């Protein structure tokens, strides 16, 4: 695999995964702070604090959408990586490739 750039590809894939997981963690940390603030505002029963919760809840919802999108992208990238690595592993040096077994119906 080293001859065809496999380790370099794996390094790039890992960098992408680490970057995405870092983004997700950052958003989740922010969400934790938002939830704490929303709870404090709610418990205070102060009208201004309660009205601030509208914006905080919007931000929380948008952050959740971002996390879903990041996980969706991660899943897609992971599937593509597995498919590429799987198709590279399916071809033999004799050119015949691996045969899939079929089960009798």
PDB file of N, CA and C in Angstrom:
ATOM      1  N   UNK A   1       0.816  -1.174   0.000  1.00  0.00           N
ATOM      2  CA  UNK A   1       0.000   0.000   0.000  1.00  0.00           C
ATOM      3  C   UNK A   1       0.876   1.260   0.000  1.00  0.00           C
ATOM      4  N   UNK A   2       2.116   1.135   0.497  1.00  0.00           N
ATOM      5  CA  UNK A   2       2.974   2.296   0.562  1.00  0.00           C
ATOM      6  C   UNK A   2       3.334   2.814  -0.815  1.00  0.00           C
ATOM      7  N   UNK A   3       3.426   1.935  -1.798  1.00  0.00           N
ATOM      8  CA  UNK A   3       3.806   2.339  -3.142  1.00  0.00           C
ATOM      9  C   UNK A   3       2.765   3.198  -3.836  1.00  0.00           C
ATOM     10  N   UNK A   4       1.489   3.052  -3.475  1.00  0.00           N
ATOM     11  CA  UNK A   4       0.437   3.804  -4.153  1.00  0.00           C
ATOM     12  C   UNK A   4      -0.076   4.985  -3.329  1.00  0.00           C
ATOM     13  N   UNK A   5       0.694   5.419  -2.315  1.00  0.00           N
ATOM     14  CA  UNK A   5       0.306   6.590  -1.541  1.00  0.00           C
ATOM     15  C   UNK A   5      -0.687   6.292  -0.433  1.00  0.00           C
ATOM     16  N   UNK A   6      -0.846   5.032  -0.059  1.00  0.00           N
ATOM     17  CA  UNK A   6      -1.792   4.647   0.976  1.00  0.00           C
ATOM     18  C   UNK A   6      -1.580   5.334   2.308  1.00  0.00           C
ATOM     19  N   UNK A   7      -0.366   5.295   2.875  1.00  0.00           N
ATOM     20  CA  UNK A   7      -0.162   5.939   4.170  1.00  0.00           C
ATOM     21  C   UNK A   7      -0.411   7.450   4.123  1.00  0.00           C
ATOM     22  N   UNK A   8      -0.069   8.098   3.003  1.00  0.00           N
ATOM     23  CA  UNK A   8      -0.315   9.526   2.882  1.00  0.00           C
ATOM     24  C   UNK A   8      -1.826   9.790   2.887  1.00  0.00           C
ATOM     25  N   UNK A   9      -2.576   8.979   2.160  1.00  0.00           N
ATOM     26  CA  UNK A   9      -4.030   9.111   2.139  1.00  0.00           C
ATOM     27  C   UNK A   9      -4.593   8.901   3.539  1.00  0.00           C
ATOM     28  N   UNK A  10      -4.115   7.868   4.230  1.00  0.00           N
ATOM     29  CA  UNK A  10      -4.599   7.588   5.575  1.00  0.00           C
ATOM     30  C   UNK A  10      -4.309   8.750   6.513  1.00  0.00           C
ATOM     31  N   UNK A  11      -3.152   9.391   6.348  1.00  0.00           N
ATOM     32  CA  UNK A  11      -2.813  10.559   7.160  1.00  0.00           C
ATOM     33  C   UNK A  11      -3.764  11.705   6.908  1.00  0.00           C
ATOM     34  N   UNK A  12      -4.103  11.931   5.643  1.00  0.00           N
ATOM     35  CA  UNK A  12      -5.036  13.009   5.300  1.00  0.00           C
ATOM     36  C   UNK A  12      -6.423  12.709   5.849  1.00  0.00           C
ATOM     37  N   UNK A  13      -6.824  11.457   5.763  1.00  0.00           N
ATOM     38  CA  UNK A  13      -8.134  11.052   6.281  1.00  0.00           C
ATOM     39  C   UNK A  13      -8.177  11.269   7.791  1.00  0.00           C
ATOM     40  N   UNK A  14      -7.114  10.874   8.479  1.00  0.00           N
ATOM     41  CA  UNK A  14      -7.063  11.053   9.923  1.00  0.00           C
ATOM     42  C   UNK A  14      -7.089  12.534  10.297  1.00  0.00           C
ATOM     43  N   UNK A  15      -6.385  13.364   9.525  1.00  0.00           N
ATOM     44  CA  UNK A  15      -6.404  14.806   9.779  1.00  0.00           C
ATOM     45  C   UNK A  15      -7.817  15.359   9.647  1.00  0.00           C
ATOM     46  N   UNK A  16      -8.514  14.920   8.613  1.00  0.00           N
ATOM     47  CA  UNK A  16      -9.887  15.373   8.381  1.00  0.00           C
ATOM     48  C   UNK A  16     -10.790  14.939   9.529  1.00  0.00           C
ATOM     49  N   UNK A  17     -10.653  13.672   9.956  1.00  0.00           N
ATOM     50  CA  UNK A  17     -11.461  13.179  11.063  1.00  0.00           C
ATOM     51  C   UNK A  17     -11.165  13.968  12.339  1.00  0.00           C
ATOM     52  N   UNK A  18      -9.883  14.186  12.621  1.00  0.00           N
ATOM     53  CA  UNK A  18      -9.512  14.908  13.840  1.00  0.00           C
ATOM     54  C   UNK A  18     -10.046  16.338  13.819  1.00  0.00           C
ATOM     55  N   UNK A  19      -9.956  16.973  12.663  1.00  0.00           N
ATOM     56  CA  UNK A  19     -10.460  18.342  12.533  1.00  0.00           C
ATOM     57  C   UNK A  19     -11.969  18.370  12.775  1.00  0.00           C
ATOM     58  N   UNK A  20     -12.686  17.431  12.162  1.00  0.00           N
ATOM     59  CA  UNK A  20     -14.144  17.387  12.316  1.00  0.00           C
ATOM     60  C   UNK A  20     -14.538  17.092  13.760  1.00  0.00           C
ATOM     61  N   UNK A  21     -13.858  16.134  14.383  1.00  0.00           N
ATOM     62  CA  UNK A  21     -14.178  15.816  15.778  1.00  0.00           C
ATOM     63  C   UNK A  21     -13.852  16.999  16.687  1.00  0.00           C
ATOM     64  N   UNK A  22     -12.799  17.749  16.372  1.00  0.00           N
ATOM     65  CA  UNK A  22     -12.469  18.953  17.127  1.00  0.00           C
ATOM     66  C   UNK A  22     -13.570  19.995  17.009  1.00  0.00           C
ATOM     67  N   UNK A  23     -14.098  20.158  15.785  1.00  0.00           N
ATOM     68  CA  UNK A  23     -15.204  21.102  15.574  1.00  0.00           C
ATOM     69  C   UNK A  23     -16.442  20.672  16.349  1.00  0.00           C
ATOM     70  N   UNK A  24     -16.735  19.378  16.298  1.00  0.00           N
ATOM     71  CA  UNK A  24     -17.896  18.854  17.026  1.00  0.00           C
ATOM     72  C   UNK A  24     -17.721  19.105  18.519  1.00  0.00           C
ATOM     73  N   UNK A  25     -16.535  18.810  19.055  1.00  0.00           N
ATOM     74  CA  UNK A  25     -16.306  18.994  20.482  1.00  0.00           C
ATOM     75  C   UNK A  25     -16.451  20.454  20.889  1.00  0.00           C
ATOM     76  N   UNK A  26     -15.947  21.356  20.054  1.00  0.00           N
ATOM     77  CA  UNK A  26     -16.066  22.786  20.327  1.00  0.00           C
ATOM     78  C   UNK A  26     -17.538  23.210  20.391  1.00  0.00           C
ATOM     79  N   UNK A  27     -18.328  22.730  19.440  1.00  0.00           N
ATOM     80  CA  UNK A  27     -19.762  23.063  19.413  1.00  0.00           C
ATOM     81  C   UNK A  27     -20.473  22.469  20.630  1.00  0.00           C
ATOM     82  N   UNK A  28     -20.135  21.230  20.984  1.00  0.00           N
ATOM     83  CA  UNK A  28     -20.778  20.603  22.144  1.00  0.00           C
ATOM     84  C   UNK A  28     -20.417  21.332  23.440  1.00  0.00           C
ATOM     85  N   UNK A  29     -19.176  21.788  23.533  1.00  0.00           N
ATOM     86  CA  UNK A  29     -18.779  22.579  24.707  1.00  0.00           C
ATOM     87  C   UNK A  29     -19.590  23.873  24.779  1.00  0.00           C
ATOM     88  N   UNK A  30     -19.756  24.523  23.634  1.00  0.00           N
ATOM     89  CA  UNK A  30     -20.567  25.750  23.579  1.00  0.00           C
ATOM     90  C   UNK A  30     -22.016  25.445  23.966  1.00  0.00           C
ATOM     91  N   UNK A  31     -22.540  24.323  23.483  1.00  0.00           N
ATOM     92  CA  UNK A  31     -23.915  23.939  23.819  1.00  0.00           C
ATOM     93  C   UNK A  31     -24.081  23.730  25.322  1.00  0.00           C
ATOM     94  N   UNK A  32     -23.075  23.150  25.951  1.00  0.00           N
ATOM     95  CA  UNK A  32     -23.144  22.942  27.399  1.00  0.00           C
ATOM     96  C   UNK A  32     -23.290  24.288  28.114  1.00  0.00           C
ATOM     97  N   UNK A  33     -22.501  25.276  27.669  1.00  0.00           N
ATOM     98  CA  UNK A  33     -22.597  26.616  28.259  1.00  0.00           C
ATOM     99  C   UNK A  33     -23.968  27.244  27.994  1.00  0.00           C
ATOM    100  N   UNK A  34     -24.456  27.080  26.768  1.00  0.00           N
ATOM    101  CA  UNK A  34     -25.773  27.625  26.428  1.00  0.00           C
ATOM    102  C   UNK A  34     -26.867  27.013  27.295  1.00  0.00           C
ATOM    103  N   UNK A  35     -26.820  25.711  27.462  1.00  0.00           N
ATOM    104  CA  UNK A  35     -27.841  25.018  28.259  1.00  0.00           C
ATOM    105  C   UNK A  35     -27.794  25.495  29.707  1.00  0.00           C
ATOM    106  N   UNK A  36     -26.585  25.650  30.242  1.00  0.00           N
ATOM    107  CA  UNK A  36     -26.465  26.154  31.611  1.00  0.00           C
ATOM    108  C   UNK A  36     -27.055  27.556  31.731  1.00  0.00           C
ATOM    109  N   UNK A  37     -26.765  28.409  30.743  1.00  0.00           N
ATOM    110  CA  UNK A  37     -27.295  29.777  30.772  1.00  0.00           C
ATOM    111  C   UNK A  37     -28.815  29.784  30.632  1.00  0.00           C
ATOM    112  N   UNK A  38     -29.318  28.943  29.750  1.00  0.00           N
ATOM    113  CA  UNK A  38     -30.775  28.844  29.568  1.00  0.00           C
ATOM    114  C   UNK A  38     -31.441  28.411  30.872  1.00  0.00           C
ATOM    115  N   UNK A  39     -30.859  27.420  31.534  1.00  0.00           N
ATOM    116  CA  UNK A  39     -31.416  26.949  32.810  1.00  0.00           C
ATOM    117  C   UNK A  39     -31.388  28.044  33.879  1.00  0.00           C
ATOM    118  N   UNK A  40     -30.259  28.752  33.966  1.00  0.00           N
ATOM    119  CA  UNK A  40     -30.166  29.836  34.953  1.00  0.00           C
ATOM    120  C   UNK A  40     -31.204  30.918  34.667  1.00  0.00           C
ATOM    121  N   UNK A  41     -31.341  31.286  33.397  1.00  0.00           N
ATOM    122  CA  UNK A  41     -32.331  32.304  33.029  1.00  0.00           C
ATOM    123  C   UNK A  41     -33.744  31.845  33.372  1.00  0.00           C
ATOM    124  N   UNK A  42     -34.024  30.581  33.098  1.00  0.00           N
ATOM    125  CA  UNK A  42     -35.354  30.046  33.362  1.00  0.00           C
ATOM    126  C   UNK A  42     -35.649  30.049  34.864  1.00  0.00           C
ATOM    127  N   UNK A  43     -34.671  29.623  35.654  1.00  0.00           N
ATOM    128  CA  UNK A  43     -34.860  29.558  37.103  1.00  0.00           C
ATOM    129  C   UNK A  43     -34.996  30.945  37.728  1.00  0.00           C
ATOM    130  N   UNK A  44     -34.386  31.952  37.105  1.00  0.00           N
ATOM    131  CA  UNK A  44     -34.439  33.311  37.665  1.00  0.00           C
ATOM    132  C   UNK A  44     -35.834  33.921  37.552  1.00  0.00           C
ATOM    133  N   UNK A  45     -36.597  33.492  36.573  1.00  0.00           N
ATOM    134  CA  UNK A  45     -37.953  34.001  36.306  1.00  0.00           C
ATOM    135  C   UNK A  45     -37.978  35.508  35.996  1.00  0.00           C
ATOM    136  N   UNK A  46     -36.811  36.084  35.727  1.00  0.00           N
ATOM    137  CA  UNK A  46     -36.729  37.500  35.378  1.00  0.00           C
ATOM    138  C   UNK A  46     -37.112  37.643  33.909  1.00  0.00           C
ATOM    139  N   UNK A  47     -38.075  38.510  33.591  1.00  0.00           N
ATOM    140  CA  UNK A  47     -38.563  38.633  32.209  1.00  0.00           C
ATOM    141  C   UNK A  47     -37.461  38.859  31.165  1.00  0.00           C
ATOM    142  N   UNK A  48     -36.492  39.729  31.459  1.00  0.00           N
ATOM    143  CA  UNK A  48     -35.405  39.958  30.490  1.00  0.00           C
ATOM    144  C   UNK A  48     -34.599  38.684  30.242  1.00  0.00           C
ATOM    145  N   UNK A  49     -34.334  37.947  31.300  1.00  0.00           N
ATOM    146  CA  UNK A  49     -33.578  36.703  31.156  1.00  0.00           C
ATOM    147  C   UNK A  49     -34.370  35.663  30.355  1.00  0.00           C
ATOM    148  N   UNK A  50     -35.665  35.621  30.628  1.00  0.00           N
ATOM    149  CA  UNK A  50     -36.509  34.670  29.897  1.00  0.00           C
ATOM    150  C   UNK A  50     -36.564  35.020  28.411  1.00  0.00           C
ATOM    151  N   UNK A  51     -36.612  36.309  28.097  1.00  0.00           N
ATOM    152  CA  UNK A  51     -36.648  36.693  26.679  1.00  0.00           C
ATOM    153  C   UNK A  51     -35.300  36.432  26.002  1.00  0.00           C
ATOM    154  N   UNK A  52     -34.198  36.500  26.762  1.00  0.00           N
ATOM    155  CA  UNK A  52     -32.873  36.170  26.192  1.00  0.00           C
ATOM    156  C   UNK A  52     -32.802  34.693  25.796  1.00  0.00           C
ATOM    157  N   UNK A  53     -33.568  33.877  26.477  1.00  0.00           N
ATOM    158  CA  UNK A  53     -33.542  32.442  26.180  1.00  0.00           C
ATOM    159  C   UNK A  53     -33.968  32.137  24.748  1.00  0.00           C
ATOM    160  N   UNK A  54     -34.812  32.982  24.182  1.00  0.00           N
ATOM    161  CA  UNK A  54     -35.247  32.751  22.797  1.00  0.00           C
ATOM    162  C   UNK A  54     -34.035  32.700  21.877  1.00  0.00           C
ATOM    163  N   UNK A  55     -33.158  33.687  21.981  1.00  0.00           N
ATOM    164  CA  UNK A  55     -31.954  33.718  21.152  1.00  0.00           C
ATOM    165  C   UNK A  55     -30.995  32.595  21.483  1.00  0.00           C
ATOM    166  N   UNK A  56     -30.868  32.287  22.780  1.00  0.00           N
ATOM    167  CA  UNK A  56     -29.967  31.207  23.196  1.00  0.00           C
ATOM    168  C   UNK A  56     -30.448  29.855  22.666  1.00  0.00           C
ATOM    169  N   UNK A  57     -31.761  29.654  22.701  1.00  0.00           N
ATOM    170  CA  UNK A  57     -32.324  28.392  22.197  1.00  0.00           C
ATOM    171  C   UNK A  57     -32.154  28.301  20.687  1.00  0.00           C
ATOM    172  N   UNK A  58     -32.291  29.409  19.990  1.00  0.00           N
ATOM    173  CA  UNK A  58     -32.043  29.415  18.533  1.00  0.00           C
ATOM    174  C   UNK A  58     -30.600  29.019  18.240  1.00  0.00           C
ATOM    175  N   UNK A  59     -29.673  29.619  18.986  1.00  0.00           N
ATOM    176  CA  UNK A  59     -28.261  29.283  18.793  1.00  0.00           C
ATOM    177  C   UNK A  59     -28.006  27.805  19.080  1.00  0.00           C
ATOM    178  N   UNK A  60     -28.612  27.305  20.143  1.00  0.00           N
ATOM    179  CA  UNK A  60     -28.482  25.891  20.500  1.00  0.00           C
ATOM    180  C   UNK A  60     -28.993  24.997  19.369  1.00  0.00           C
ATOM    181  N   UNK A  61     -30.167  25.330  18.829  1.00  0.00           N
ATOM    182  CA  UNK A  61     -30.726  24.547  17.723  1.00  0.00           C
ATOM    183  C   UNK A  61     -29.828  24.586  16.490  1.00  0.00           C
ATOM    184  N   UNK A  62     -29.295  25.768  16.171  1.00  0.00           N
ATOM    185  CA  UNK A  62     -28.388  25.879  15.019  1.00  0.00           C
ATOM    186  C   UNK A  62     -27.116  25.062  15.243  1.00  0.00           C
ATOM    187  N   UNK A  63     -26.623  25.082  16.476  1.00  0.00           N
ATOM    188  CA  UNK A  63     -25.429  24.290  16.782  1.00  0.00           C
ATOM    189  C   UNK A  63     -25.697  22.795  16.630  1.00  0.00           C
ATOM    190  N   UNK A  64     -26.876  22.372  17.042  1.00  0.00           N
ATOM    191  CA  UNK A  64     -27.229  20.948  16.900  1.00  0.00           C
ATOM    192  C   UNK A  64     -27.269  20.580  15.421  1.00  0.00           C
ATOM    193  N   UNK A  65     -27.809  21.462  14.585  1.00  0.00           N
ATOM    194  CA  UNK A  65     -27.828  21.204  13.139  1.00  0.00           C
ATOM    195  C   UNK A  65     -26.401  21.089  12.593  1.00  0.00           C
ATOM    196  N   UNK A  66     -25.503  21.951  13.075  1.00  0.00           N
ATOM    197  CA  UNK A  66     -24.105  21.897  12.632  1.00  0.00           C
ATOM    198  C   UNK A  66     -23.465  20.569  13.008  1.00  0.00           C
ATOM    199  N   UNK A  67     -23.739  20.103  14.217  1.00  0.00           N
ATOM    200  CA  UNK A  67     -23.179  18.828  14.670  1.00  0.00           C
ATOM    201  C   UNK A  67     -23.703  17.686  13.801  1.00  0.00           C
ATOM    202  N   UNK A  68     -24.984  17.708  13.500  1.00  0.00           N
ATOM    203  CA  UNK A  68     -25.571  16.675  12.638  1.00  0.00           C
ATOM    204  C   UNK A  68     -24.895  16.693  11.265  1.00  0.00           C
ATOM    205  N   UNK A  69     -24.695  17.889  10.712  1.00  0.00           N
ATOM    206  CA  UNK A  69     -24.031  18.006   9.411  1.00  0.00           C
ATOM    207  C   UNK A  69     -22.599  17.489   9.467  1.00  0.00           C
ATOM    208  N   UNK A  70     -21.876  17.836  10.530  1.00  0.00           N
ATOM    209  CA  UNK A  70     -20.491  17.360  10.665  1.00  0.00           C
ATOM    210  C   UNK A  70     -20.444  15.839  10.772  1.00  0.00           C
ATOM    211  N   UNK A  71     -21.340  15.250  11.572  1.00  0.00           N
ATOM    212  CA  UNK A  71     -21.373  13.788  11.690  1.00  0.00           C
ATOM    213  C   UNK A  71     -21.785  13.133  10.373  1.00  0.00           C
ATOM    214  N   UNK A  72     -22.673  13.767   9.648  1.00  0.00           N
ATOM    215  CA  UNK A  72     -23.073  13.250   8.339  1.00  0.00           C
ATOM    216  C   UNK A  72     -21.885  13.243   7.383  1.00  0.00           C
ATOM    217  N   UNK A  73     -21.136  14.354   7.372  1.00  0.00           N
ATOM    218  CA  UNK A  73     -19.935  14.429   6.528  1.00  0.00           C
ATOM    219  C   UNK A  73     -18.904  13.398   6.956  1.00  0.00           C
ATOM    220  N   UNK A  74     -18.716  13.236   8.261  1.00  0.00           N
ATOM    221  CA  UNK A  74     -17.773  12.237   8.762  1.00  0.00           C
ATOM    222  C   UNK A  74     -18.177  10.836   8.318  1.00  0.00           C
ATOM    223  N   UNK A  75     -19.457  10.546   8.424  1.00  0.00           N
ATOM    224  CA  UNK A  75     -19.951   9.234   8.026  1.00  0.00           C
ATOM    225  C   UNK A  75     -19.718   8.992   6.535  1.00  0.00           C
ATOM    226  N   UNK A  76     -20.011   9.998   5.737  1.00  0.00           N
ATOM    227  CA  UNK A  76     -19.821   9.889   4.294  1.00  0.00           C
ATOM    228  C   UNK A  76     -18.345   9.694   3.950  1.00  0.00           C
ATOM    229  N   UNK A  77     -17.483  10.507   4.578  1.00  0.00           N
ATOM    230  CA  UNK A  77     -16.046  10.376   4.326  1.00  0.00           C
ATOM    231  C   UNK A  77     -15.519   9.030   4.779  1.00  0.00           C
ATOM    232  N   UNK A  78     -16.005   8.547   5.909  1.00  0.00           N
ATOM    233  CA  UNK A  78     -15.575   7.244   6.406  1.00  0.00           C
ATOM    234  C   UNK A  78     -15.996   6.145   5.439  1.00  0.00           C
ATOM    235  N   UNK A  79     -17.239   6.218   4.953  1.00  0.00           N
ATOM    236  CA  UNK A  79     -17.728   5.212   4.006  1.00  0.00           C
ATOM    237  C   UNK A  79     -16.901   5.203   2.725  1.00  0.00           C
ATOM    238  N   UNK A  80     -16.577   6.398   2.233  1.00  0.00           N
ATOM    239  CA  UNK A  80     -15.759   6.488   1.016  1.00  0.00           C
ATOM    240  C   UNK A  80     -14.376   5.890   1.248  1.00  0.00           C
ATOM    241  N   UNK A  81     -13.796   6.166   2.414  1.00  0.00           N
ATOM    242  CA  UNK A  81     -12.472   5.635   2.737  1.00  0.00           C
ATOM    243  C   UNK A  81     -12.505   4.123   2.816  1.00  0.00           C
ATOM    244  N   UNK A  82     -13.529   3.582   3.459  1.00  0.00           N
ATOM    245  CA  UNK A  82     -13.666   2.137   3.569  1.00  0.00           C
ATOM    246  C   UNK A  82     -13.845   1.518   2.182  1.00  0.00           C
ATOM    247  N   UNK A  83     -14.661   2.156   1.336  1.00  0.00           N
ATOM    248  CA  UNK A  83     -14.878   1.643  -0.017  1.00  0.00           C
ATOM    249  C   UNK A  83     -13.583   1.634  -0.816  1.00  0.00           C
ATOM    250  N   UNK A  84     -12.802   2.722  -0.721  1.00  0.00           N
ATOM    251  CA  UNK A  84     -11.539   2.803  -1.460  1.00  0.00           C
ATOM    252  C   UNK A  84     -10.574   1.746  -0.958  1.00  0.00           C
ATOM    253  N   UNK A  85     -10.422   1.638   0.368  1.00  0.00           N
ATOM    254  CA  UNK A  85      -9.506   0.649   0.925  1.00  0.00           C
ATOM    255  C   UNK A  85      -9.974  -0.764   0.633  1.00  0.00           C
ATOM    256  N   UNK A  86     -11.274  -0.972   0.639  1.00  0.00           N
ATOM    257  CA  UNK A  86     -11.832  -2.285   0.358  1.00  0.00           C
ATOM    258  C   UNK A  86     -11.602  -2.669  -1.100  1.00  0.00           C
ATOM    259  N   UNK A  87     -11.788  -1.731  -2.017  1.00  0.00           N
ATOM    260  CA  UNK A  87     -11.603  -2.052  -3.433  1.00  0.00           C
ATOM    261  C   UNK A  87     -10.127  -2.263  -3.749  1.00  0.00           C
ATOM    262  N   UNK A  88      -9.232  -1.562  -3.045  1.00  0.00           N
ATOM    263  CA  UNK A  88      -7.802  -1.796  -3.245  1.00  0.00           C
ATOM    264  C   UNK A  88      -7.418  -3.169  -2.716  1.00  0.00           C
ATOM    265  N   UNK A  89      -8.031  -3.600  -1.628  1.00  0.00           N
ATOM    266  CA  UNK A  89      -7.729  -4.895  -1.046  1.00  0.00           C
ATOM    267  C   UNK A  89      -8.341  -6.046  -1.803  1.00  0.00           C
ATOM    268  N   UNK A  90      -9.345  -5.781  -2.634  1.00  0.00           N
ATOM    269  CA  UNK A  90     -10.022  -6.838  -3.377  1.00  0.00           C
ATOM    270  C   UNK A  90      -9.218  -7.320  -4.574  1.00  0.00           C
ATOM    271  N   UNK A  91      -8.274  -6.559  -5.066  1.00  0.00           N
ATOM    272  CA  UNK A  91      -7.544  -6.990  -6.249  1.00  0.00           C
ATOM    273  C   UNK A  91      -6.272  -7.708  -5.849  1.00  0.00           C
ATOM    274  N   UNK A  92      -6.066  -8.865  -6.436  1.00  0.00           N
ATOM    275  CA  UNK A  92      -4.886  -9.676  -6.154  1.00  0.00           C
ATOM    276  C   UNK A  92      -3.813  -9.385  -7.178  1.00  0.00           C
ATOM    277  N   UNK A  93      -2.612  -9.803  -6.844  1.00  0.00           N
ATOM    278  CA  UNK A  93      -1.501  -9.599  -7.773  1.00  0.00           C
ATOM    279  C   UNK A  93      -1.650 -10.457  -9.021  1.00  0.00           C
ATOM    280  N   UNK A  94      -2.426 -11.547  -8.959  1.00  0.00           N
ATOM    281  CA  UNK A  94      -2.619 -12.383 -10.144  1.00  0.00           C
ATOM    282  C   UNK A  94      -3.700 -11.830 -11.071  1.00  0.00           C
ATOM    283  N   UNK A  95      -4.325 -10.714 -10.669  1.00  0.00           N
ATOM    284  CA  UNK A  95      -5.307 -10.056 -11.519  1.00  0.00           C
ATOM    285  C   UNK A  95      -6.698 -10.653 -11.430  1.00  0.00           C
ATOM    286  N   UNK A  96      -6.875 -11.735 -10.674  1.00  0.00           N
ATOM    287  CA  UNK A  96      -8.185 -12.384 -10.608  1.00  0.00           C
ATOM    288  C   UNK A  96      -9.129 -11.708  -9.623  1.00  0.00           C
ATOM    289  N   UNK A  97      -8.579 -11.059  -8.607  1.00  0.00           N
ATOM    290  CA  UNK A  97      -9.431 -10.405  -7.616  1.00  0.00           C
ATOM    291  C   UNK A  97     -10.093 -11.431  -6.717  1.00  0.00           C
ATOM    292  N   UNK A  98     -10.786 -10.970  -5.737  1.00  0.00           N
ATOM    293  CA  UNK A  98     -11.480 -11.859  -4.809  1.00  0.00           C
ATOM    294  C   UNK A  98     -12.900 -12.093  -5.300  1.00  0.00           C
ATOM    295  N   UNK A  99     -13.341 -13.297  -5.167  1.00  0.00           N
ATOM    296  CA  UNK A  99     -14.691 -13.644  -5.563  1.00  0.00           C
ATOM    297  C   UNK A  99     -15.588 -13.596  -4.337  1.00  0.00           C
ATOM    298  N   UNK A 100     -16.751 -13.000  -4.463  1.00  0.00           N
ATOM    299  CA  UNK A 100     -17.706 -12.979  -3.370  1.00  0.00           C
ATOM    300  C   UNK A 100     -18.520 -14.260  -3.420  1.00  0.00           C
ATOM    301  N   UNK A 101     -18.763 -14.806  -2.241  1.00  0.00           N
ATOM    302  CA  UNK A 101     -19.591 -16.009  -2.160  1.00  0.00           C
ATOM    303  C   UNK A 101     -21.054 -15.602  -2.192  1.00  0.00           C
ATOM    304  N   UNK A 102     -21.831 -16.387  -2.876  1.00  0.00           N
ATOM    305  CA  UNK A 102     -23.270 -16.147  -2.869  1.00  0.00           C
ATOM    306  C   UNK A 102     -23.935 -17.276  -2.097  1.00  0.00           C
ATOM    307  N   UNK A 103     -24.953 -16.916  -1.375  1.00  0.00           N
ATOM    308  CA  UNK A 103     -25.674 -17.927  -0.603  1.00  0.00           C
ATOM    309  C   UNK A 103     -26.818 -18.482  -1.443  1.00  0.00           C
ATOM    310  N   UNK A 104     -27.045 -19.753  -1.313  1.00  0.00           N
ATOM    311  CA  UNK A 104     -28.179 -20.328  -2.038  1.00  0.00           C
ATOM    312  C   UNK A 104     -29.494 -19.754  -1.493  1.00  0.00           C
ATOM    313  N   UNK A 105     -30.392 -19.464  -2.407  1.00  0.00           N
ATOM    314  CA  UNK A 105     -31.586 -18.755  -2.097  1.00  0.00           C
ATOM    315  C   UNK A 105     -32.636 -19.462  -1.395  1.00  0.00           C
TER     316      UNK A 105
END
